[in-house]
Amino acid sequence: MRPIPPSRGTTHTPMDLRAAPRSRGFTLLELLVVIVIIGLLAGLVAPRYFDQVSKSNTKIAKAQIDSLGKALDQYRLDVGAYPTTEMGLAALNTKPPNLEKWAGPYLKKAVPPDPWGNAYVYKAPGDHGDYDLSSLGSDGQPGGTGEAQDVTSWGP
């Protein structure tokens, strides 16, 4: 058998074309198996990830309460008493009227909201000490469990 002369730059003979394997894509079954495996992995990893996020929000709230407590202590050293409940935490950044010994601001920035976007609850004098400072957790209500549990200045 005599080879057919190449046409337009190809160098294949008819025998070469028949022997070349055809490339195939993935079957529907293979794609479904991969999707199921990815779904199973996501089902295992996602709850652990979101559990870590909720733990980090609680840690952030504890750190912010600790930082605000230090600013309140500095305020007390300068003024002689903690801000009243009516003055609130705003007294750390804005001088209350008729306080000559105020040497603030005691925070570099405005009082931040808790990690869930709610305002911290401040009461002075407090039920558990000179002042009570707390976050009501993710639900914004007193009490709760898990991420909705209150974070306080007087508790563990």
N, C-alpha and C. Protein backbone atom coordinates (compact mmCIF):
# COMPACT_ATOMS: atom_id res chain seq x y z
N MET A 1 0.85 -1.17 0.00
CA MET A 1 0.00 0.00 0.00
C MET A 1 0.89 1.22 0.00
N ARG A 2 0.57 2.08 -0.83
CA ARG A 2 1.36 3.27 -1.03
C ARG A 2 0.79 4.40 -0.20
N PRO A 3 1.62 5.18 0.55
CA PRO A 3 1.09 6.27 1.38
C PRO A 3 0.49 7.38 0.53
N ILE A 4 -0.53 7.96 1.08
CA ILE A 4 -1.17 9.10 0.43
C ILE A 4 -0.32 10.32 0.70
N PRO A 5 -0.08 11.12 -0.31
CA PRO A 5 0.77 12.29 -0.08
C PRO A 5 0.14 13.22 0.95
N PRO A 6 0.97 13.83 1.80
CA PRO A 6 0.44 14.73 2.83
C PRO A 6 -0.27 15.92 2.20
N SER A 7 -1.34 16.33 2.85
CA SER A 7 -2.07 17.49 2.35
C SER A 7 -2.06 18.57 3.42
N ARG A 8 -1.73 19.72 3.02
CA ARG A 8 -1.76 20.91 3.86
C ARG A 8 -1.00 20.74 5.17
N GLY A 9 0.18 20.28 5.13
CA GLY A 9 1.05 20.24 6.28
C GLY A 9 0.87 19.05 7.19
N THR A 10 -0.04 18.11 6.94
CA THR A 10 -0.18 16.95 7.81
C THR A 10 0.76 15.87 7.32
N THR A 11 1.27 15.09 8.26
CA THR A 11 2.20 14.02 7.91
C THR A 11 1.65 12.66 8.27
N HIS A 12 0.36 12.57 8.57
CA HIS A 12 -0.24 11.30 8.98
C HIS A 12 -0.68 10.51 7.77
N THR A 13 -0.56 9.23 7.89
CA THR A 13 -1.09 8.34 6.87
C THR A 13 -2.45 7.86 7.35
N PRO A 14 -3.26 7.31 6.51
CA PRO A 14 -4.58 6.83 6.94
C PRO A 14 -4.47 5.80 8.05
N MET A 15 -3.43 5.00 8.07
CA MET A 15 -3.26 4.00 9.12
C MET A 15 -3.03 4.69 10.46
N ASP A 16 -2.30 5.78 10.47
CA ASP A 16 -2.02 6.51 11.71
C ASP A 16 -3.31 7.07 12.31
N LEU A 17 -4.20 7.53 11.48
CA LEU A 17 -5.43 8.11 11.97
C LEU A 17 -6.32 7.07 12.63
N ARG A 18 -6.34 5.87 12.10
CA ARG A 18 -7.18 4.83 12.68
C ARG A 18 -6.61 4.34 14.01
N ALA A 19 -5.31 4.38 14.16
CA ALA A 19 -4.68 3.85 15.36
C ALA A 19 -4.70 4.86 16.51
N ALA A 20 -4.93 6.12 16.24
CA ALA A 20 -4.89 7.14 17.30
C ALA A 20 -6.08 6.95 18.25
N PRO A 21 -5.80 6.87 19.58
CA PRO A 21 -6.92 6.71 20.52
C PRO A 21 -7.70 8.01 20.65
N ARG A 22 -8.97 7.86 20.86
CA ARG A 22 -9.83 9.04 21.02
C ARG A 22 -9.79 9.47 22.48
N SER A 23 -9.63 10.75 22.71
CA SER A 23 -9.66 11.23 24.10
C SER A 23 -11.11 11.35 24.54
N ARG A 24 -11.37 10.96 25.79
CA ARG A 24 -12.74 10.97 26.30
C ARG A 24 -12.81 11.87 27.51
N GLY A 25 -13.97 12.42 27.80
CA GLY A 25 -14.20 13.21 29.00
C GLY A 25 -14.66 12.32 30.13
N PHE A 26 -15.09 12.93 31.22
CA PHE A 26 -15.58 12.18 32.37
C PHE A 26 -17.03 11.77 32.13
N THR A 27 -17.38 10.63 32.66
CA THR A 27 -18.77 10.18 32.55
C THR A 27 -19.58 10.87 33.65
N LEU A 28 -20.86 10.82 33.49
CA LEU A 28 -21.76 11.41 34.48
C LEU A 28 -21.59 10.73 35.84
N LEU A 29 -21.40 9.44 35.83
CA LEU A 29 -21.23 8.69 37.07
C LEU A 29 -19.96 9.13 37.80
N GLU A 30 -18.88 9.32 37.08
CA GLU A 30 -17.63 9.78 37.69
C GLU A 30 -17.81 11.17 38.31
N LEU A 31 -18.49 12.05 37.61
CA LEU A 31 -18.74 13.39 38.15
C LEU A 31 -19.59 13.35 39.40
N LEU A 32 -20.62 12.50 39.41
CA LEU A 32 -21.47 12.37 40.60
C LEU A 32 -20.70 11.84 41.79
N VAL A 33 -19.81 10.89 41.57
CA VAL A 33 -18.99 10.35 42.67
C VAL A 33 -18.12 11.45 43.26
N VAL A 34 -17.50 12.24 42.42
CA VAL A 34 -16.65 13.33 42.90
C VAL A 34 -17.48 14.35 43.68
N ILE A 35 -18.66 14.70 43.20
CA ILE A 35 -19.52 15.66 43.89
C ILE A 35 -19.94 15.12 45.26
N VAL A 36 -20.26 13.84 45.34
CA VAL A 36 -20.64 13.23 46.63
C VAL A 36 -19.47 13.27 47.60
N ILE A 37 -18.27 12.98 47.15
CA ILE A 37 -17.09 13.01 48.01
C ILE A 37 -16.85 14.42 48.52
N ILE A 38 -16.95 15.42 47.66
CA ILE A 38 -16.76 16.81 48.08
C ILE A 38 -17.83 17.21 49.08
N GLY A 39 -19.06 16.77 48.87
CA GLY A 39 -20.14 17.06 49.81
C GLY A 39 -19.89 16.45 51.17
N LEU A 40 -19.41 15.21 51.20
CA LEU A 40 -19.10 14.56 52.47
C LEU A 40 -17.98 15.28 53.22
N LEU A 41 -16.95 15.67 52.49
CA LEU A 41 -15.85 16.41 53.12
C LEU A 41 -16.33 17.75 53.68
N ALA A 42 -17.15 18.45 52.94
CA ALA A 42 -17.69 19.72 53.41
C ALA A 42 -18.56 19.51 54.65
N GLY A 43 -19.31 18.42 54.68
CA GLY A 43 -20.15 18.12 55.83
C GLY A 43 -19.34 17.83 57.08
N LEU A 44 -18.14 17.31 56.92
CA LEU A 44 -17.28 17.03 58.06
C LEU A 44 -16.49 18.26 58.51
N VAL A 45 -16.04 19.07 57.58
CA VAL A 45 -15.17 20.20 57.89
C VAL A 45 -15.96 21.43 58.34
N ALA A 46 -17.09 21.72 57.74
CA ALA A 46 -17.83 22.95 58.02
C ALA A 46 -18.23 23.09 59.49
N PRO A 47 -18.78 22.06 60.15
CA PRO A 47 -19.14 22.25 61.57
C PRO A 47 -17.93 22.57 62.45
N ARG A 48 -16.81 21.94 62.17
CA ARG A 48 -15.60 22.24 62.96
C ARG A 48 -15.14 23.67 62.73
N TYR A 49 -15.21 24.13 61.49
CA TYR A 49 -14.81 25.49 61.18
C TYR A 49 -15.70 26.50 61.90
N PHE A 50 -17.02 26.32 61.83
CA PHE A 50 -17.93 27.28 62.46
C PHE A 50 -17.86 27.22 63.98
N ASP A 51 -17.53 26.06 64.54
CA ASP A 51 -17.33 25.95 65.98
C ASP A 51 -16.12 26.80 66.40
N GLN A 52 -15.07 26.79 65.59
CA GLN A 52 -13.89 27.60 65.89
C GLN A 52 -14.21 29.09 65.79
N VAL A 53 -15.04 29.47 64.84
CA VAL A 53 -15.43 30.88 64.69
C VAL A 53 -16.17 31.35 65.93
N SER A 54 -17.09 30.53 66.45
CA SER A 54 -17.85 30.94 67.63
C SER A 54 -16.94 31.03 68.85
N LYS A 55 -15.98 30.13 68.96
CA LYS A 55 -15.02 30.20 70.08
C LYS A 55 -14.18 31.47 69.97
N SER A 56 -13.80 31.84 68.76
CA SER A 56 -12.97 33.04 68.60
C SER A 56 -13.76 34.30 68.94
N ASN A 57 -15.07 34.33 68.64
CA ASN A 57 -15.88 35.50 69.01
C ASN A 57 -15.94 35.65 70.53
N THR A 58 -16.06 34.55 71.24
CA THR A 58 -16.08 34.60 72.70
C THR A 58 -14.73 35.09 73.23
N LYS A 59 -13.65 34.62 72.63
CA LYS A 59 -12.31 35.07 73.05
C LYS A 59 -12.12 36.56 72.77
N ILE A 60 -12.63 37.02 71.65
CA ILE A 60 -12.53 38.45 71.32
C ILE A 60 -13.30 39.27 72.35
N ALA A 61 -14.50 38.82 72.71
CA ALA A 61 -15.30 39.53 73.72
C ALA A 61 -14.57 39.59 75.05
N LYS A 62 -13.95 38.49 75.47
CA LYS A 62 -13.19 38.47 76.73
C LYS A 62 -12.02 39.45 76.66
N ALA A 63 -11.32 39.47 75.53
CA ALA A 63 -10.18 40.38 75.38
C ALA A 63 -10.63 41.84 75.40
N GLN A 64 -11.75 42.14 74.74
CA GLN A 64 -12.24 43.52 74.73
C GLN A 64 -12.71 43.95 76.12
N ILE A 65 -13.36 43.04 76.86
CA ILE A 65 -13.79 43.37 78.21
C ILE A 65 -12.58 43.61 79.10
N ASP A 66 -11.53 42.82 78.94
CA ASP A 66 -10.30 43.01 79.70
C ASP A 66 -9.67 44.37 79.37
N SER A 67 -9.63 44.72 78.09
CA SER A 67 -9.07 46.00 77.67
C SER A 67 -9.89 47.18 78.21
N LEU A 68 -11.21 47.07 78.12
CA LEU A 68 -12.08 48.13 78.66
C LEU A 68 -11.92 48.23 80.18
N GLY A 69 -11.73 47.09 80.85
CA GLY A 69 -11.51 47.10 82.29
C GLY A 69 -10.24 47.86 82.67
N LYS A 70 -9.19 47.70 81.89
CA LYS A 70 -7.94 48.42 82.15
C LYS A 70 -8.14 49.92 81.94
N ALA A 71 -8.90 50.29 80.92
CA ALA A 71 -9.19 51.71 80.70
C ALA A 71 -10.04 52.27 81.84
N LEU A 72 -10.99 51.48 82.32
CA LEU A 72 -11.81 51.92 83.47
C LEU A 72 -10.96 52.08 84.72
N ASP A 73 -10.00 51.20 84.94
CA ASP A 73 -9.10 51.32 86.10
C ASP A 73 -8.25 52.58 86.00
N GLN A 74 -7.78 52.91 84.81
CA GLN A 74 -7.00 54.14 84.63
C GLN A 74 -7.88 55.36 84.88
N TYR A 75 -9.09 55.33 84.43
CA TYR A 75 -10.06 56.41 84.68
C TYR A 75 -10.23 56.60 86.19
N ARG A 76 -10.41 55.49 86.91
CA ARG A 76 -10.60 55.56 88.36
C ARG A 76 -9.37 56.15 89.05
N LEU A 77 -8.18 55.80 88.59
CA LEU A 77 -6.96 56.35 89.19
C LEU A 77 -6.90 57.87 89.01
N ASP A 78 -7.32 58.36 87.86
CA ASP A 78 -7.27 59.80 87.60
C ASP A 78 -8.41 60.55 88.29
N VAL A 79 -9.62 60.04 88.18
CA VAL A 79 -10.80 60.77 88.65
C VAL A 79 -11.13 60.45 90.10
N GLY A 80 -10.84 59.24 90.54
CA GLY A 80 -11.14 58.87 91.92
C GLY A 80 -12.32 57.93 92.03
N ALA A 81 -13.04 57.68 90.95
CA ALA A 81 -14.19 56.77 90.95
C ALA A 81 -14.42 56.30 89.52
N TYR A 82 -15.10 55.17 89.39
CA TYR A 82 -15.46 54.68 88.06
C TYR A 82 -16.59 55.54 87.51
N PRO A 83 -16.73 55.61 86.18
CA PRO A 83 -17.86 56.35 85.62
C PRO A 83 -19.18 55.72 86.09
N THR A 84 -20.18 56.52 86.29
CA THR A 84 -21.48 56.01 86.71
C THR A 84 -22.15 55.29 85.54
N THR A 85 -23.20 54.58 85.84
CA THR A 85 -23.95 53.89 84.78
C THR A 85 -24.49 54.90 83.77
N GLU A 86 -24.92 56.06 84.26
CA GLU A 86 -25.46 57.09 83.37
C GLU A 86 -24.38 57.63 82.42
N MET A 87 -23.15 57.80 82.94
CA MET A 87 -22.05 58.27 82.08
C MET A 87 -21.70 57.19 81.07
N GLY A 88 -21.71 55.95 81.52
CA GLY A 88 -21.41 54.83 80.64
C GLY A 88 -19.97 54.79 80.19
N LEU A 89 -19.71 53.92 79.24
CA LEU A 89 -18.36 53.75 78.72
C LEU A 89 -17.92 54.93 77.86
N ALA A 90 -18.86 55.78 77.47
CA ALA A 90 -18.50 56.97 76.68
C ALA A 90 -17.59 57.89 77.46
N ALA A 91 -17.62 57.82 78.80
CA ALA A 91 -16.76 58.66 79.64
C ALA A 91 -15.28 58.33 79.45
N LEU A 92 -15.00 57.22 78.83
CA LEU A 92 -13.59 56.86 78.57
C LEU A 92 -13.01 57.67 77.41
N ASN A 93 -13.85 58.19 76.54
CA ASN A 93 -13.39 58.96 75.38
C ASN A 93 -13.79 60.42 75.42
N THR A 94 -14.88 60.73 76.09
CA THR A 94 -15.40 62.09 76.13
C THR A 94 -15.45 62.56 77.57
N LYS A 95 -14.90 63.73 77.84
CA LYS A 95 -14.84 64.24 79.21
C LYS A 95 -16.25 64.57 79.70
N PRO A 96 -16.66 63.93 80.81
CA PRO A 96 -17.95 64.28 81.39
C PRO A 96 -17.91 65.69 81.98
N PRO A 97 -19.03 66.37 82.06
CA PRO A 97 -19.04 67.72 82.63
C PRO A 97 -18.65 67.69 84.11
N ASN A 98 -17.99 68.76 84.56
CA ASN A 98 -17.61 68.97 85.96
C ASN A 98 -16.62 67.93 86.49
N LEU A 99 -15.75 67.41 85.65
CA LEU A 99 -14.69 66.51 86.12
C LEU A 99 -13.34 67.13 85.75
N GLU A 100 -12.73 67.79 86.71
CA GLU A 100 -11.46 68.49 86.46
C GLU A 100 -10.29 67.51 86.35
N LYS A 101 -10.35 66.36 87.02
CA LYS A 101 -9.22 65.43 87.04
C LYS A 101 -9.20 64.47 85.86
N TRP A 102 -10.20 64.55 84.99
CA TRP A 102 -10.26 63.67 83.83
C TRP A 102 -9.05 63.92 82.95
N ALA A 103 -8.28 62.87 82.62
CA ALA A 103 -7.07 63.03 81.82
C ALA A 103 -7.10 62.16 80.57
N GLY A 104 -8.29 61.92 80.05
CA GLY A 104 -8.45 61.03 78.91
C GLY A 104 -8.11 61.69 77.60
N PRO A 105 -8.42 61.07 76.53
CA PRO A 105 -9.20 59.84 76.41
C PRO A 105 -8.40 58.62 76.87
N TYR A 106 -9.10 57.63 77.36
CA TYR A 106 -8.50 56.42 77.90
C TYR A 106 -8.48 55.28 76.90
N LEU A 107 -9.08 55.49 75.77
CA LEU A 107 -9.05 54.52 74.67
C LEU A 107 -8.58 55.23 73.41
N LYS A 108 -7.84 54.53 72.55
CA LYS A 108 -7.36 55.13 71.31
C LYS A 108 -8.50 55.36 70.32
N LYS A 109 -9.51 54.49 70.37
CA LYS A 109 -10.66 54.59 69.46
C LYS A 109 -11.93 54.59 70.29
N ALA A 110 -13.05 54.75 69.64
CA ALA A 110 -14.35 54.70 70.32
C ALA A 110 -14.57 53.30 70.90
N VAL A 111 -15.44 53.21 71.87
CA VAL A 111 -15.75 51.92 72.49
C VAL A 111 -16.33 51.01 71.40
N PRO A 112 -15.70 49.85 71.18
CA PRO A 112 -16.20 48.97 70.11
C PRO A 112 -17.44 48.21 70.54
N PRO A 113 -18.24 47.80 69.58
CA PRO A 113 -19.35 46.89 69.93
C PRO A 113 -18.75 45.50 70.20
N ASP A 114 -19.53 44.64 70.81
CA ASP A 114 -19.04 43.28 71.02
C ASP A 114 -18.94 42.57 69.67
N PRO A 115 -18.34 41.39 69.59
CA PRO A 115 -18.15 40.72 68.30
C PRO A 115 -19.45 40.42 67.55
N TRP A 116 -20.58 40.48 68.22
CA TRP A 116 -21.86 40.21 67.57
C TRP A 116 -22.58 41.50 67.20
N GLY A 117 -21.92 42.65 67.39
CA GLY A 117 -22.48 43.94 66.97
C GLY A 117 -23.34 44.63 68.01
N ASN A 118 -23.41 44.11 69.24
CA ASN A 118 -24.21 44.73 70.30
C ASN A 118 -23.32 45.57 71.20
N ALA A 119 -23.93 46.52 71.89
CA ALA A 119 -23.17 47.34 72.84
C ALA A 119 -22.88 46.54 74.11
N TYR A 120 -21.75 46.82 74.72
CA TYR A 120 -21.43 46.19 76.00
C TYR A 120 -22.35 46.78 77.07
N VAL A 121 -22.69 45.96 78.06
CA VAL A 121 -23.56 46.40 79.16
C VAL A 121 -22.65 46.80 80.31
N TYR A 122 -22.79 48.06 80.76
CA TYR A 122 -21.96 48.60 81.84
C TYR A 122 -22.85 49.08 82.97
N LYS A 123 -22.47 48.72 84.20
CA LYS A 123 -23.22 49.15 85.37
C LYS A 123 -22.23 49.45 86.50
N ALA A 124 -22.33 50.65 87.06
CA ALA A 124 -21.47 51.03 88.19
C ALA A 124 -22.29 51.84 89.19
N PRO A 125 -22.28 51.50 90.43
CA PRO A 125 -21.60 50.34 91.00
C PRO A 125 -22.28 49.06 90.54
N GLY A 126 -21.48 48.01 90.47
CA GLY A 126 -21.98 46.74 89.95
C GLY A 126 -22.49 45.81 91.03
N ASP A 127 -23.13 44.76 90.62
CA ASP A 127 -23.61 43.73 91.53
C ASP A 127 -22.51 42.75 91.91
N HIS A 128 -21.43 42.72 91.12
CA HIS A 128 -20.36 41.75 91.34
C HIS A 128 -19.01 42.41 91.65
N GLY A 129 -19.00 43.70 91.82
CA GLY A 129 -17.76 44.43 92.08
C GLY A 129 -18.01 45.91 91.94
N ASP A 130 -16.92 46.66 91.75
CA ASP A 130 -17.05 48.12 91.59
C ASP A 130 -17.85 48.46 90.33
N TYR A 131 -17.72 47.62 89.32
CA TYR A 131 -18.50 47.78 88.08
C TYR A 131 -18.77 46.42 87.49
N ASP A 132 -19.80 46.31 86.69
CA ASP A 132 -20.11 45.11 85.93
C ASP A 132 -20.04 45.46 84.44
N LEU A 133 -19.29 44.70 83.70
CA LEU A 133 -19.16 44.91 82.27
C LEU A 133 -19.40 43.56 81.60
N SER A 134 -20.33 43.52 80.65
CA SER A 134 -20.65 42.24 80.03
C SER A 134 -21.12 42.39 78.59
N SER A 135 -21.04 41.27 77.89
CA SER A 135 -21.61 41.13 76.56
C SER A 135 -22.68 40.06 76.67
N LEU A 136 -23.80 40.25 76.01
CA LEU A 136 -24.91 39.32 76.12
C LEU A 136 -24.82 38.17 75.12
N GLY A 137 -23.70 38.03 74.44
CA GLY A 137 -23.51 36.92 73.51
C GLY A 137 -24.22 37.14 72.19
N SER A 138 -24.26 36.09 71.39
CA SER A 138 -24.79 36.21 70.03
C SER A 138 -26.28 36.49 69.98
N ASP A 139 -27.04 36.07 71.02
CA ASP A 139 -28.48 36.28 70.98
C ASP A 139 -28.91 37.64 71.55
N GLY A 140 -27.99 38.37 72.20
CA GLY A 140 -28.33 39.67 72.76
C GLY A 140 -29.27 39.62 73.95
N GLN A 141 -29.44 38.44 74.53
CA GLN A 141 -30.34 38.24 75.68
C GLN A 141 -29.52 37.72 76.86
N PRO A 142 -29.93 38.05 78.09
CA PRO A 142 -29.21 37.50 79.26
C PRO A 142 -29.28 35.97 79.28
N GLY A 143 -28.20 35.37 79.78
CA GLY A 143 -28.14 33.91 79.86
C GLY A 143 -27.73 33.30 78.54
N GLY A 144 -28.06 32.07 78.35
CA GLY A 144 -27.75 31.40 77.09
C GLY A 144 -26.64 30.37 77.25
N THR A 145 -26.47 29.58 76.21
CA THR A 145 -25.42 28.57 76.19
C THR A 145 -24.67 28.66 74.88
N GLY A 146 -23.48 28.10 74.87
CA GLY A 146 -22.68 28.12 73.65
C GLY A 146 -22.29 29.54 73.28
N GLU A 147 -22.48 29.88 72.01
CA GLU A 147 -22.13 31.21 71.54
C GLU A 147 -23.08 32.28 72.10
N ALA A 148 -24.25 31.90 72.53
CA ALA A 148 -25.22 32.84 73.09
C ALA A 148 -24.96 33.11 74.58
N GLN A 149 -23.98 32.43 75.16
CA GLN A 149 -23.68 32.62 76.58
C GLN A 149 -23.07 34.00 76.82
N ASP A 150 -23.43 34.61 77.96
CA ASP A 150 -22.92 35.92 78.33
C ASP A 150 -21.41 35.85 78.63
N VAL A 151 -20.69 36.90 78.27
CA VAL A 151 -19.28 37.04 78.61
C VAL A 151 -19.20 38.21 79.58
N THR A 152 -18.62 37.99 80.77
CA THR A 152 -18.66 39.00 81.81
C THR A 152 -17.28 39.33 82.34
N SER A 153 -17.19 40.49 83.00
CA SER A 153 -15.93 40.90 83.63
C SER A 153 -15.69 40.20 84.95
N TRP A 154 -16.71 39.63 85.55
CA TRP A 154 -16.56 39.01 86.87
C TRP A 154 -16.48 37.51 86.83
N GLY A 155 -16.76 36.90 85.71
CA GLY A 155 -16.77 35.45 85.62
C GLY A 155 -15.47 34.91 85.06
N PRO A 156 -15.42 33.59 84.91
CA PRO A 156 -14.19 32.97 84.37
C PRO A 156 -13.98 33.27 82.91
